Protein backbone atom coordinates (compact mmCIF):
# COMPACT_ATOMS: atom_id res chain seq x y z
CA MET A 1 39.69 -58.43 -27.37
CA ALA A 2 39.25 -55.23 -25.16
CA ASP A 3 35.96 -53.21 -24.95
CA ARG A 4 36.79 -50.29 -25.86
CA ARG A 5 32.72 -48.86 -24.91
CA LYS A 6 32.69 -45.67 -22.90
CA PRO A 7 31.89 -46.98 -19.21
CA GLN A 8 28.15 -45.77 -18.91
CA GLU A 9 27.81 -47.71 -21.78
CA ILE A 10 29.05 -50.74 -19.80
CA LEU A 11 27.48 -49.90 -16.55
CA ASP A 12 24.40 -49.59 -18.91
CA HIS A 13 24.97 -53.10 -20.10
CA ILE A 14 25.40 -54.31 -16.48
CA THR A 15 22.49 -52.55 -15.17
CA SER A 16 20.41 -53.87 -17.54
CA SER A 17 21.55 -57.98 -17.53
CA HIS A 18 21.60 -57.31 -13.63
CA ALA A 19 17.90 -56.08 -13.68
CA THR A 20 16.99 -59.48 -16.06
CA LEU A 21 18.46 -61.71 -13.68
CA GLU A 22 17.01 -60.53 -10.52
CA SER A 23 13.38 -60.56 -12.54
CA LEU A 24 14.23 -64.25 -13.31
CA ILE A 25 15.11 -65.00 -9.63
CA TYR A 26 12.37 -63.24 -7.78
CA SER A 27 9.70 -63.76 -9.69
CA LEU A 28 10.88 -67.58 -8.26
CA ASP A 29 8.77 -68.63 -4.75
CA GLU A 30 11.03 -69.35 -1.53
CA HIS A 31 10.54 -73.57 -2.39
CA GLN A 32 11.54 -72.84 -5.98
CA GLN A 33 14.73 -70.97 -4.82
CA THR A 34 15.27 -73.66 -2.43
CA LYS A 35 15.06 -76.70 -4.34
CA PRO A 36 17.79 -78.94 -4.65
CA GLY A 37 19.09 -79.94 -7.90
CA ALA A 38 17.05 -76.62 -9.94
CA ILE A 39 20.44 -75.54 -11.71
CA GLY A 40 22.55 -78.53 -12.28
CA LYS A 41 23.66 -79.26 -8.75
CA TRP A 42 22.83 -76.27 -7.16
CA THR A 43 19.81 -74.64 -6.19
CA VAL A 44 18.59 -70.85 -7.15
CA LYS A 45 19.96 -69.59 -3.59
CA GLU A 46 23.11 -71.30 -4.18
CA VAL A 47 23.62 -69.27 -7.41
CA MET A 48 22.55 -66.24 -5.40
CA ALA A 49 25.43 -66.48 -3.32
CA HIS A 50 27.65 -67.63 -5.75
CA ILE A 51 27.21 -64.68 -7.82
CA GLY A 52 27.19 -62.14 -5.11
CA HIS A 53 30.39 -63.64 -3.33
CA TRP A 54 32.12 -63.60 -6.98
CA GLU A 55 31.12 -60.04 -7.29
CA GLU A 56 32.99 -59.17 -3.77
CA ILE A 57 36.06 -61.00 -5.04
CA GLY A 58 35.86 -58.84 -7.66
CA TYR A 59 35.26 -55.34 -5.99
CA GLU A 60 38.35 -56.32 -3.55
CA VAL A 61 40.40 -57.24 -6.68
CA LEU A 62 39.75 -53.97 -8.97
CA TYR A 63 39.51 -51.79 -5.60
CA ASP A 64 43.25 -53.40 -4.79
CA PHE A 65 44.14 -52.81 -8.29
CA VAL A 66 42.88 -49.31 -8.80
CA HIS A 67 43.67 -47.55 -5.81
CA ASN A 68 46.89 -49.66 -4.59
CA GLY A 69 48.66 -50.82 -8.10
CA LYS A 70 48.36 -54.69 -7.05
CA LYS A 71 47.10 -57.54 -8.81
CA PRO A 72 45.78 -60.76 -6.60
CA THR A 73 48.46 -63.60 -5.49
CA GLU A 74 45.50 -65.95 -6.18
CA ASP A 75 44.77 -66.85 -9.88
CA TYR A 76 40.77 -66.44 -9.93
CA THR A 77 41.51 -67.68 -14.04
CA GLN A 78 40.81 -71.06 -12.64
CA PHE A 79 37.51 -70.06 -11.52
CA LEU A 80 35.71 -73.49 -11.43
CA GLU A 81 38.12 -74.51 -8.87
CA TYR A 82 37.15 -71.51 -6.83
CA ASN A 83 33.56 -72.45 -7.51
CA ASP A 84 34.09 -75.79 -5.65
CA LYS A 85 36.13 -74.39 -2.89
CA TRP A 86 33.69 -72.55 -1.94
CA GLU A 87 30.53 -74.56 -2.65
CA PRO A 88 30.17 -75.64 0.84
CA GLU A 89 30.35 -72.07 2.43
CA LEU A 90 27.70 -70.70 0.03
CA GLN A 91 25.52 -73.88 0.36
CA ALA A 92 25.28 -73.70 3.98
CA HIS A 93 23.77 -70.09 3.57
CA ALA A 94 19.89 -69.50 4.27
CA LEU A 95 18.07 -68.07 1.82
CA GLU A 96 18.07 -64.96 3.45
CA GLU A 97 22.02 -65.11 3.59
CA SER A 98 22.17 -65.94 -0.10
CA ILE A 99 20.04 -62.71 -1.25
CA HIS A 100 21.74 -60.61 1.19
CA LEU A 101 25.05 -61.87 -0.79
CA PHE A 102 23.42 -61.12 -4.29
CA GLU A 103 22.06 -57.81 -3.52
CA SER A 104 25.07 -56.26 -1.24
CA GLY A 105 27.51 -57.55 -3.58
CA HIS A 106 26.31 -56.28 -6.49
CA ALA A 107 25.85 -53.11 -4.85
CA ARG A 108 29.38 -53.07 -3.43
CA LEU A 109 31.04 -53.52 -7.03
CA PHE A 110 28.51 -51.52 -9.12
CA GLY A 111 29.00 -48.71 -6.77
CA PHE A 112 32.82 -48.98 -7.10
CA LEU A 113 32.68 -49.12 -11.33
CA SER A 114 30.37 -46.11 -10.98
CA SER A 115 32.55 -44.20 -9.06
CA LEU A 116 35.66 -44.66 -11.36
CA LYS A 117 36.88 -41.67 -13.87
CA ASP A 118 37.14 -42.86 -17.09
CA ASP A 119 41.21 -43.14 -16.96
CA GLN A 120 40.62 -45.43 -14.08
CA TRP A 121 39.10 -47.86 -16.97
CA SER A 122 41.92 -49.76 -17.65
CA GLY A 123 42.40 -53.09 -19.95
CA TYR A 124 42.94 -54.85 -16.38
CA VAL A 125 39.80 -53.33 -15.16
CA ARG A 126 37.87 -53.98 -18.26
CA ALA A 127 39.24 -57.54 -18.72
CA TRP A 128 37.67 -58.14 -15.06
CA VAL A 129 34.27 -56.44 -15.65
CA PRO A 130 33.08 -59.19 -18.48
CA GLY A 131 33.44 -62.13 -16.23
CA LEU A 132 32.08 -60.23 -12.94
CA THR A 133 29.24 -59.00 -14.23
CA TYR A 134 27.18 -59.54 -17.72
CA ASP A 135 28.77 -62.34 -19.30
CA HIS A 136 28.31 -64.11 -15.56
CA PHE A 137 24.92 -62.98 -15.05
CA ASP A 138 24.01 -64.20 -18.82
CA GLU A 139 25.13 -67.72 -18.30
CA HIS A 140 22.86 -67.84 -15.19
CA ILE A 141 20.12 -66.01 -16.76
CA LYS A 142 20.00 -69.16 -19.37
CA GLU A 143 19.79 -72.01 -17.18
CA LEU A 144 17.19 -69.57 -15.40
CA ARG A 145 15.04 -69.43 -18.08
CA ALA A 146 15.58 -73.27 -18.96
CA LEU A 147 14.30 -73.48 -15.36
CA GLN A 148 11.23 -71.86 -15.99
CA GLY A 149 10.84 -73.75 -19.15
CA GLN A 150 10.49 -76.89 -17.08
CA GLN A 151 7.78 -75.62 -14.47
């Protein structure tokens, strides 16, 4: 079912969820952020790079759709395959690179979404937003809370 909230309500939800995610991530020290296997097979730094990368992809897809009417040729519904495909590249990032991707990916996507006029929040845009933002953040928030509970 499509999200029928006003765009500002969706943006507020994204902001709140991302703030929780940031709070959990940045409450960890460098060792905790880079510890192998902290979250499944990933480190926290890899989760940061993963989230940032997906937000970059989302920005590109939504920008191209809103401004050029084009949908991607890639089938991003197979997101687990993309996670596996991108994993080696994201694992290779230093902590500072992962933080940069996490922060810049979010700033870019959120800035774009914030710039949309109400009539640009089409069903297509609304369909992409949860998986790129608050639903995706919430998935990793749960993992980070479980990690904190182990410490």
